[in-house]
C-alpha atoms as a PDB file:
ATOM      1  CA  MET A   1       0.000   0.000   0.000  1.00  0.00           C
ATOM      2  CA  LYS A   2       2.866   2.372   0.820  1.00  0.00           C
ATOM      3  CA  LYS A   3       4.441   1.682  -2.572  1.00  0.00           C
ATOM      4  CA  VAL A   4       1.171   2.523  -4.345  1.00  0.00           C
ATOM      5  CA  PHE A   5       0.819   5.745  -2.334  1.00  0.00           C
ATOM      6  CA  SER A   6       4.420   6.731  -3.108  1.00  0.00           C
ATOM      7  CA  PHE A   7       3.880   6.037  -6.800  1.00  0.00           C
ATOM      8  CA  ILE A   8       0.720   8.189  -6.894  1.00  0.00           C
ATOM      9  CA  LEU A   9       2.449  11.013  -5.000  1.00  0.00           C
ATOM     10  CA  THR A  10       5.429  10.930  -7.374  1.00  0.00           C
ATOM     11  CA  LEU A  11       3.080  10.951 -10.366  1.00  0.00           C
ATOM     12  CA  LEU A  12       1.232  14.006  -9.021  1.00  0.00           C
ATOM     13  CA  VAL A  13       4.513  15.871  -8.503  1.00  0.00           C
ATOM     14  CA  ILE A  14       5.602  15.115 -12.079  1.00  0.00           C
ATOM     15  CA  ILE A  15       2.241  16.265 -13.481  1.00  0.00           C
ATOM     16  CA  SER A  16       2.422  19.481 -11.422  1.00  0.00           C
ATOM     17  CA  CYS A  17       5.921  20.251 -12.685  1.00  0.00           C
ATOM     18  CA  ILE A  18       4.863  19.681 -16.274  1.00  0.00           C
ATOM     19  CA  SER A  19       1.823  21.945 -15.821  1.00  0.00           C
ATOM     20  CA  ILE A  20       3.909  24.732 -14.248  1.00  0.00           C
ATOM     21  CA  THR A  21       6.502  24.508 -17.035  1.00  0.00           C
ATOM     22  CA  ALA A  22       3.824  24.608 -19.730  1.00  0.00           C
ATOM     23  CA  PHE A  23       2.163  27.598 -18.044  1.00  0.00           C
ATOM     24  CA  ALA A  24       5.455  29.506 -17.864  1.00  0.00           C
ATOM     25  CA  GLU A  25       6.190  28.799 -21.524  1.00  0.00           C
ATOM     26  CA  ASN A  26       2.755  30.103 -22.585  1.00  0.00           C
ATOM     27  CA  LEU A  27       2.873  33.167 -20.316  1.00  0.00           C
ATOM     28  CA  SER A  28       2.602  36.324 -22.429  1.00  0.00           C
ATOM     29  CA  ALA A  29       0.751  39.634 -22.659  1.00  0.00           C
ATOM     30  CA  THR A  30       0.464  42.611 -24.977  1.00  0.00           C
ATOM     31  CA  VAL A  31       1.692  45.834 -23.341  1.00  0.00           C
ATOM     32  CA  TYR A  32       2.076  49.337 -24.797  1.00  0.00           C
ATOM     33  CA  VAL A  33       5.413  50.872 -23.816  1.00  0.00           C
ATOM     34  CA  SER A  34       6.536  54.498 -24.128  1.00  0.00           C
ATOM     35  CA  VAL A  35      10.029  55.760 -23.305  1.00  0.00           C
ATOM     36  CA  ALA A  36      11.295  59.339 -22.892  1.00  0.00           C
ATOM     37  CA  ASP A  37      14.985  60.271 -22.769  1.00  0.00           C
ATOM     38  CA  LYS A  38      15.540  63.544 -20.890  1.00  0.00           C
ATOM     39  CA  GLY A  39      12.314  65.098 -22.152  1.00  0.00           C
ATOM     40  CA  THR A  40      12.449  63.628 -25.661  1.00  0.00           C
ATOM     41  CA  LEU A  41       9.922  60.982 -26.606  1.00  0.00           C
ATOM     42  CA  VAL A  42      11.900  58.124 -28.175  1.00  0.00           C
ATOM     43  CA  ALA A  43       9.265  55.379 -28.167  1.00  0.00           C
ATOM     44  CA  ALA A  44       5.506  55.983 -28.257  1.00  0.00           C
ATOM     45  CA  GLN A  45       3.157  53.192 -27.181  1.00  0.00           C
ATOM     46  CA  VAL A  46       5.236  50.457 -28.774  1.00  0.00           C
ATOM     47  CA  ASN A  47       3.057  47.356 -28.971  1.00  0.00           C
ATOM     48  CA  VAL A  48       5.152  44.525 -27.504  1.00  0.00           C
ATOM     49  CA  THR A  49       4.543  40.915 -26.594  1.00  0.00           C
ATOM     50  CA  VAL A  50       5.848  40.457 -23.058  1.00  0.00           C
ATOM     51  CA  THR A  51       7.232  37.102 -21.966  1.00  0.00           C
ATOM     52  CA  ASP A  52       8.928  35.971 -18.760  1.00  0.00           C
ATOM     53  CA  ILE A  53      12.495  36.787 -19.783  1.00  0.00           C
ATOM     54  CA  ASP A  54      13.879  36.841 -16.236  1.00  0.00           C
ATOM     55  CA  GLY A  55      12.325  33.473 -15.343  1.00  0.00           C
ATOM     56  CA  ASP A  56      10.561  34.561 -12.150  1.00  0.00           C
ATOM     57  CA  GLY A  57       7.291  32.905 -13.154  1.00  0.00           C
ATOM     58  CA  THR A  58       5.350  36.126 -13.762  1.00  0.00           C
ATOM     59  CA  LEU A  59       5.153  39.001 -16.227  1.00  0.00           C
ATOM     60  CA  THR A  60       6.693  42.178 -14.840  1.00  0.00           C
ATOM     61  CA  VAL A  61       7.681  45.732 -15.700  1.00  0.00           C
ATOM     62  CA  ASN A  62      11.189  44.392 -16.190  1.00  0.00           C
ATOM     63  CA  ASP A  63       9.985  41.925 -18.825  1.00  0.00           C
ATOM     64  CA  ALA A  64       8.017  44.672 -20.600  1.00  0.00           C
ATOM     65  CA  LEU A  65      10.966  47.091 -20.733  1.00  0.00           C
ATOM     66  CA  TYR A  66      13.204  44.330 -22.046  1.00  0.00           C
ATOM     67  CA  ALA A  67      10.672  43.549 -24.782  1.00  0.00           C
ATOM     68  CA  ALA A  68      10.349  47.237 -25.707  1.00  0.00           C
ATOM     69  CA  HIS A  69      14.100  47.593 -26.167  1.00  0.00           C
ATOM     70  CA  GLU A  70      14.196  44.422 -28.226  1.00  0.00           C
ATOM     71  CA  ALA A  71      11.495  45.862 -30.472  1.00  0.00           C
ATOM     72  CA  ALA A  72      12.465  49.531 -30.740  1.00  0.00           C
ATOM     73  CA  TYR A  73      16.044  50.200 -29.618  1.00  0.00           C
ATOM     74  CA  SER A  74      18.870  49.963 -32.147  1.00  0.00           C
ATOM     75  CA  GLY A  75      20.825  46.866 -31.184  1.00  0.00           C
ATOM     76  CA  GLY A  76      17.982  45.531 -29.035  1.00  0.00           C
ATOM     77  CA  ALA A  77      17.922  44.983 -25.291  1.00  0.00           C
ATOM     78  CA  LYS A  78      21.533  43.814 -25.272  1.00  0.00           C
ATOM     79  CA  ALA A  79      22.627  47.297 -26.322  1.00  0.00           C
ATOM     80  CA  GLY A  80      20.047  49.486 -24.607  1.00  0.00           C
ATOM     81  CA  TYR A  81      18.755  47.838 -21.448  1.00  0.00           C
ATOM     82  CA  ASN A  82      19.871  45.894 -18.407  1.00  0.00           C
ATOM     83  CA  TYR A  83      18.773  45.260 -14.847  1.00  0.00           C
ATOM     84  CA  TYR A  84      20.270  44.106 -11.557  1.00  0.00           C
ATOM     85  CA  THR A  85      19.242  43.316  -7.996  1.00  0.00           C
ATOM     86  CA  HIS A  86      19.905  46.130  -5.514  1.00  0.00           C
ATOM     87  CA  LYS A  87      20.561  45.060  -1.920  1.00  0.00           C
ATOM     88  CA  ASN A  88      17.969  47.538  -0.596  1.00  0.00           C
ATOM     89  CA  TYR A  89      15.553  48.148  -3.467  1.00  0.00           C
ATOM     90  CA  GLY A  90      15.473  44.778  -5.206  1.00  0.00           C
ATOM     91  CA  LEU A  91      15.158  44.521  -8.993  1.00  0.00           C
ATOM     92  CA  SER A  92      16.444  47.790 -10.495  1.00  0.00           C
ATOM     93  CA  ILE A  93      17.264  49.345 -13.877  1.00  0.00           C
ATOM     94  CA  GLY A  94      20.943  49.499 -14.765  1.00  0.00           C
ATOM     95  CA  LYS A  95      20.489  50.893 -18.277  1.00  0.00           C
ATOM     96  CA  LEU A  96      17.474  52.493 -19.947  1.00  0.00           C
ATOM     97  CA  TRP A  97      17.548  53.437 -23.622  1.00  0.00           C
ATOM     98  CA  GLY A  98      21.321  53.311 -23.487  1.00  0.00           C
ATOM     99  CA  ASP A  99      21.524  55.640 -20.473  1.00  0.00           C
ATOM    100  CA  THR A 100      23.391  54.372 -17.399  1.00  0.00           C
ATOM    101  CA  SER A 101      22.904  57.396 -15.107  1.00  0.00           C
ATOM    102  CA  GLY A 102      20.517  55.584 -12.777  1.00  0.00           C
ATOM    103  CA  ASN A 103      18.112  58.547 -12.945  1.00  0.00           C
ATOM    104  CA  PHE A 104      15.032  56.623 -14.049  1.00  0.00           C
ATOM    105  CA  GLY A 105      11.307  56.613 -13.418  1.00  0.00           C
ATOM    106  CA  TYR A 106       8.473  54.404 -14.602  1.00  0.00           C
ATOM    107  CA  TYR A 107       4.705  54.424 -14.313  1.00  0.00           C
ATOM    108  CA  LEU A 108       2.235  51.633 -15.030  1.00  0.00           C
ATOM    109  CA  ASN A 109      -1.196  52.790 -16.201  1.00  0.00           C
ATOM    110  CA  ASN A 110      -0.178  56.277 -14.976  1.00  0.00           C
ATOM    111  CA  SER A 111       0.481  55.105 -11.426  1.00  0.00           C
ATOM    112  CA  SER A 112       3.981  55.105  -9.973  1.00  0.00           C
ATOM    113  CA  CYS A 113       5.500  51.630  -9.740  1.00  0.00           C
ATOM    114  CA  TRP A 114       6.992  50.141  -6.593  1.00  0.00           C
ATOM    115  CA  SER A 115       9.701  48.275  -8.492  1.00  0.00           C
ATOM    116  CA  LEU A 116      10.595  46.476 -11.703  1.00  0.00           C
ATOM    117  CA  ALA A 117       8.946  43.409 -10.191  1.00  0.00           C
ATOM    118  CA  ASP A 118       5.464  44.970 -10.445  1.00  0.00           C
ATOM    119  CA  THR A 119       3.293  42.694 -12.554  1.00  0.00           C
ATOM    120  CA  VAL A 120       1.859  43.633 -15.952  1.00  0.00           C
ATOM    121  CA  LYS A 121      -1.138  42.230 -17.777  1.00  0.00           C
ATOM    122  CA  ASN A 122      -2.648  42.275 -21.228  1.00  0.00           C
ATOM    123  CA  GLY A 123      -3.564  45.817 -22.351  1.00  0.00           C
ATOM    124  CA  ASP A 124      -1.420  47.679 -19.810  1.00  0.00           C
ATOM    125  CA  TYR A 125       0.373  50.953 -20.609  1.00  0.00           C
ATOM    126  CA  LEU A 126       3.917  51.413 -19.319  1.00  0.00           C
ATOM    127  CA  ASN A 127       5.821  54.726 -19.421  1.00  0.00           C
ATOM    128  CA  ALA A 128       9.518  54.834 -18.529  1.00  0.00           C
ATOM    129  CA  PHE A 129      11.848  57.823 -18.647  1.00  0.00           C
ATOM    130  CA  VAL A 130      15.306  59.183 -17.978  1.00  0.00           C
ATOM    131  CA  TYR A 131      15.125  62.287 -15.790  1.00  0.00           C
ATOM    132  CA  SER A 132      16.261  65.581 -17.321  1.00  0.00           C
ATOM    133  CA  ASP A 133      16.847  66.986 -13.841  1.00  0.00           C
ATOM    134  CA  SER A 134      19.295  64.571 -12.233  1.00  0.00           C
ATOM    135  CA  LYS A 135      19.661  66.648  -9.059  1.00  0.00           C
ATOM    136  CA  LYS A 136      16.173  67.596  -7.872  1.00  0.00           C
ATOM    137  CA  TYR A 137      14.229  65.156 -10.071  1.00  0.00           C
ATOM    138  CA  SER A 138      11.754  67.906 -10.869  1.00  0.00           C
ATOM    139  CA  ASP A 139      10.529  66.328 -14.135  1.00  0.00           C
ATOM    140  CA  LYS A 140       6.727  66.293 -13.974  1.00  0.00           C
ATOM    141  CA  TYR A 141       5.070  63.054 -14.980  1.00  0.00           C
ATOM    142  CA  CYS A 142       1.940  63.926 -16.958  1.00  0.00           C
ATOM    143  CA  PHE A 143      -0.651  62.087 -19.000  1.00  0.00           C
ATOM    144  CA  PHE A 144      -3.744  62.647 -21.125  1.00  0.00           C
ATOM    145  CA  GLY A 145      -7.206  61.553 -20.081  1.00  0.00           C
ATOM    146  CA  SER A 146      -7.200  58.927 -22.854  1.00  0.00           C
ATOM    147  CA  TYR A 147      -4.467  56.653 -24.152  1.00  0.00           C
ATOM    148  CA  SER A 148      -5.905  56.799 -27.675  1.00  0.00           C
ATOM    149  CA  VAL A 149      -8.701  58.513 -29.602  1.00  0.00           C
ATOM    150  CA  SER A 150     -10.327  58.329 -33.029  1.00  0.00           C
ATOM    151  CA  ALA A 151     -11.633  61.325 -34.971  1.00  0.00           C
ATOM    152  CA  ASP A 152     -12.653  62.495 -38.423  1.00  0.00           C
ATOM    153  CA  SER A 153     -10.344  64.736 -40.406  1.00  0.00           C
ATOM    154  CA  GLY A 154     -10.631  68.335 -39.234  1.00  0.00           C
ATOM    155  CA  SER A 155     -12.988  67.588 -36.350  1.00  0.00           C
ATOM    156  CA  ASP A 156     -12.395  68.797 -32.791  1.00  0.00           C
ATOM    157  CA  ILE A 157     -10.276  66.615 -30.527  1.00  0.00           C
ATOM    158  CA  GLU A 158     -10.599  67.549 -26.853  1.00  0.00           C
ATOM    159  CA  LEU A 159      -7.671  66.683 -24.636  1.00  0.00           C
ATOM    160  CA  ILE A 160      -7.209  66.865 -20.875  1.00  0.00           C
ATOM    161  CA  LEU A 161      -3.648  66.932 -19.554  1.00  0.00           C
ATOM    162  CA  ASN A 162      -3.010  65.936 -15.946  1.00  0.00           C
ATOM    163  CA  SER A 163       0.059  65.344 -13.822  1.00  0.00           C
ATOM    164  CA  ALA A 164       0.852  62.969 -10.987  1.00  0.00           C
ATOM    165  CA  GLY A 165       1.448  64.813  -7.727  1.00  0.00           C
ATOM    166  CA  TYR A 166       1.073  64.628  -3.944  1.00  0.00           C
ATOM    167  CA  ASP A 167      -0.967  66.484  -1.360  1.00  0.00           C
ATOM    168  CA  VAL A 168       0.389  67.943   1.908  1.00  0.00           C
ATOM    169  CA  ASN A 169       0.271  64.471   3.474  1.00  0.00           C
ATOM    170  CA  TRP A 170       2.135  62.912   0.551  1.00  0.00           C
ATOM    171  CA  ASN A 171      -0.924  61.097  -0.729  1.00  0.00           C
ATOM    172  CA  PRO A 172      -0.934  60.695  -4.534  1.00  0.00           C
ATOM    173  CA  VAL A 173      -3.239  63.121  -6.365  1.00  0.00           C
ATOM    174  CA  THR A 174      -3.975  64.087  -9.975  1.00  0.00           C
ATOM    175  CA  LEU A 175      -3.457  67.737 -10.914  1.00  0.00           C
ATOM    176  CA  PRO A 176      -4.259  69.650 -14.136  1.00  0.00           C
ATOM    177  CA  VAL A 177      -1.339  70.894 -16.243  1.00  0.00           C
ATOM    178  CA  ALA A 178      -1.931  74.474 -17.433  1.00  0.00           C
ATOM    179  CA  GLY A 179      -0.031  76.344 -20.155  1.00  0.00           C
ATOM    180  CA  ALA A 180       1.419  73.260 -21.864  1.00  0.00           C
ATOM    181  CA  GLU A 181       1.596  73.359 -25.670  1.00  0.00           C
ATOM    182  CA  ILE A 182       0.140  70.393 -27.555  1.00  0.00           C
ATOM    183  CA  THR A 183       2.334  68.760 -30.186  1.00  0.00           C
ATOM    184  CA  VAL A 184       1.373  66.414 -33.027  1.00  0.00           C
ATOM    185  CA  ASP A 185       4.095  64.099 -34.322  1.00  0.00           C
ATOM    186  CA  GLY A 186       6.650  66.291 -32.571  1.00  0.00           C
ATOM    187  CA  MET A 187       5.449  69.539 -34.152  1.00  0.00           C
ATOM    188  CA  ALA A 188       4.084  72.409 -32.060  1.00  0.00           C
ATOM    189  CA  THR A 189       0.437  73.281 -32.706  1.00  0.00           C
ATOM    190  CA  GLY A 190       0.284  76.630 -30.895  1.00  0.00           C
ATOM    191  CA  VAL A 191      -2.605  75.279 -28.808  1.00  0.00           C
ATOM    192  CA  LYS A 192      -2.083  75.421 -25.043  1.00  0.00           C
ATOM    193  CA  THR A 193      -3.939  73.822 -22.152  1.00  0.00           C
ATOM    194  CA  ASP A 194      -6.132  76.026 -19.980  1.00  0.00           C
ATOM    195  CA  VAL A 195      -6.191  76.171 -16.169  1.00  0.00           C
ATOM    196  CA  ASN A 196      -8.110  72.882 -16.138  1.00  0.00           C
ATOM    197  CA  GLY A 197      -5.606  71.155 -18.404  1.00  0.00           C
ATOM    198  CA  LYS A 198      -8.011  71.223 -21.378  1.00  0.00           C
ATOM    199  CA  ALA A 199      -7.119  71.884 -25.007  1.00  0.00           C
ATOM    200  CA  THR A 200      -8.875  71.370 -28.335  1.00  0.00           C
ATOM    201  CA  ILE A 201      -7.049  70.657 -31.596  1.00  0.00           C
ATOM    202  CA  GLN A 202      -7.886  69.558 -35.129  1.00  0.00           C
ATOM    203  CA  ILE A 203      -5.871  67.227 -37.346  1.00  0.00           C
ATOM    204  CA  SER A 204      -6.614  67.070 -41.074  1.00  0.00           C
ATOM    205  CA  SER A 205      -4.107  64.438 -42.182  1.00  0.00           C
ATOM    206  CA  THR A 206      -5.574  60.933 -42.108  1.00  0.00           C
ATOM    207  CA  GLY A 207      -3.801  58.032 -40.455  1.00  0.00           C
ATOM    208  CA  LYS A 208      -2.153  57.518 -37.083  1.00  0.00           C
ATOM    209  CA  HIS A 209      -0.554  60.411 -35.178  1.00  0.00           C
ATOM    210  CA  ILE A 210       1.206  60.877 -31.839  1.00  0.00           C
ATOM    211  CA  ILE A 211      -0.050  63.658 -29.577  1.00  0.00           C
ATOM    212  CA  SER A 212       2.196  64.942 -26.781  1.00  0.00           C
ATOM    213  CA  ALA A 213       2.909  68.209 -24.950  1.00  0.00           C
ATOM    214  CA  VAL A 214       5.769  70.506 -23.951  1.00  0.00           C
ATOM    215  CA  SER A 215       6.070  73.398 -21.512  1.00  0.00           C
ATOM    216  CA  SER A 216       8.196  76.534 -21.441  1.00  0.00           C
ATOM    217  CA  THR A 217       7.919  76.862 -17.662  1.00  0.00           C
ATOM    218  CA  GLU A 218       8.538  73.331 -16.384  1.00  0.00           C
ATOM    219  CA  THR A 219      10.046  70.044 -17.494  1.00  0.00           C
ATOM    220  CA  LEU A 220       7.416  67.538 -18.545  1.00  0.00           C
ATOM    221  CA  VAL A 221       7.806  63.833 -19.016  1.00  0.00           C
ATOM    222  CA  PRO A 222       6.222  63.700 -22.493  1.00  0.00           C
ATOM    223  CA  PRO A 223       2.636  62.428 -22.321  1.00  0.00           C
ATOM    224  CA  VAL A 224       1.443  60.132 -25.107  1.00  0.00           C
ATOM    225  CA  CYS A 225      -1.903  59.784 -26.831  1.00  0.00           C
ATOM    226  CA  THR A 226      -2.310  58.108 -30.210  1.00  0.00           C
ATOM    227  CA  VAL A 227      -5.012  59.394 -32.534  1.00  0.00           C
ATOM    228  CA  GLN A 228      -6.421  57.679 -35.612  1.00  0.00           C
ATOM    229  CA  ILE A 229      -7.800  60.178 -38.135  1.00  0.00           C
ATOM    230  CA  SER A 230     -10.287  58.963 -40.737  1.00  0.00           C
ATOM    231  CA  GLY A 231     -11.437  60.802 -43.863  1.00  0.00           C
ATOM    232  CA  GLY A 232     -14.865  61.673 -42.489  1.00  0.00           C
ATOM    233  CA  ILE A 233     -18.325  60.871 -43.859  1.00  0.00           C
ATOM    234  CA  PHE A 234     -17.696  62.194 -47.379  1.00  0.00           C
ATOM    235  CA  ALA A 235     -14.560  60.147 -47.754  1.00  0.00           C
ATOM    236  CA  SER A 236     -16.467  57.084 -46.553  1.00  0.00           C
ATOM    237  CA  ILE A 237     -19.223  57.686 -49.138  1.00  0.00           C
ATOM    238  CA  ILE A 238     -16.697  58.103 -51.951  1.00  0.00           C
ATOM    239  CA  SER A 239     -14.890  54.952 -50.839  1.00  0.00           C
ATOM    240  CA  ALA A 240     -18.172  53.007 -50.808  1.00  0.00           C
ATOM    241  CA  ILE A 241     -19.135  54.260 -54.285  1.00  0.00           C
ATOM    242  CA  THR A 242     -15.684  53.403 -55.645  1.00  0.00           C
ATOM    243  CA  SER A 243     -15.886  49.908 -54.178  1.00  0.00           C
ATOM    244  CA  PHE A 244     -19.376  49.404 -55.665  1.00  0.00           C
ATOM    245  CA  PHE A 245     -18.350  50.394 -59.199  1.00  0.00           C
ATOM    246  CA  SER A 246     -15.181  48.324 -58.910  1.00  0.00           C
ATOM    247  CA  MET A 247     -17.314  45.300 -58.018  1.00  0.00           C
ATOM    248  CA  ILE A 248     -19.618  45.936 -61.032  1.00  0.00           C
ATOM    249  CA  ILE A 249     -16.670  46.269 -63.421  1.00  0.00           C
ATOM    250  CA  ASN A 250     -15.084  43.064 -62.141  1.00  0.00           C
ATOM    251  CA  PHE A 251     -18.429  41.276 -62.563  1.00  0.00           C
ATOM    252  CA  LEU A 252     -18.823  42.480 -66.169  1.00  0.00           C
ATOM    253  CA  LEU A 253     -15.269  41.492 -67.004  1.00  0.00           C
ATOM    254  CA  SER A 254     -15.893  38.016 -65.637  1.00  0.00           C
ATOM    255  CA  LEU A 255     -18.842  37.601 -68.035  1.00  0.00           C
ATOM    256  CA  PHE A 256     -16.606  38.143 -71.045  1.00  0.00           C
ATOM    257  CA  ALA A 257     -13.653  36.203 -69.712  1.00  0.00           C
END
């Protein structure tokens, strides 16, 4: 009886190990990663597939940053990113976008992370940056009310720009960013946020664009919002008519083929 029990126990252990290994191998998530280098946006919502590269059995900020460098940094993660274990702070960044200063910050879904070991899941947004101010760390982390928007060509796009801050008791709060100029694909628009952080812009060029913001009075960590501009209702009608006639012509040609 003892031999049978031992056999069953051994079999259960083997099955558990196989299941854990299979789970780890299939562990992955899609995360959107943005990186800023001293106030310059160098990667904007890069769509990456995150896997457990450090082998800790979970998907983390560390895994996502590694994947982003593999996808978007010249030379990949080997050239632009590394991490190490700090005796006091645990898993830490050693190199971010080729910078080894140690002056780094990172936010997950616009909330400050505890460490690189924070877990990520499918659909998360991760923003990492190298501080411009390496002494007082005064760079202001800011973000738009939406990660992405869709609009017709020339229509109004309303944006709200906020920043992450703290109250008198050091509790995290969200504050409006006033006087920041909106940029589209790195170009200034001349449109600035009001006292409530609001701004309205129009974009005529169809396709995907990157909206961000800069300030002449303070250092901002560049916020990121992607916008998809369509041709509007008239363009849709023309496209539908063109498709219809193309279908008719192809049908007629097939009759005489």
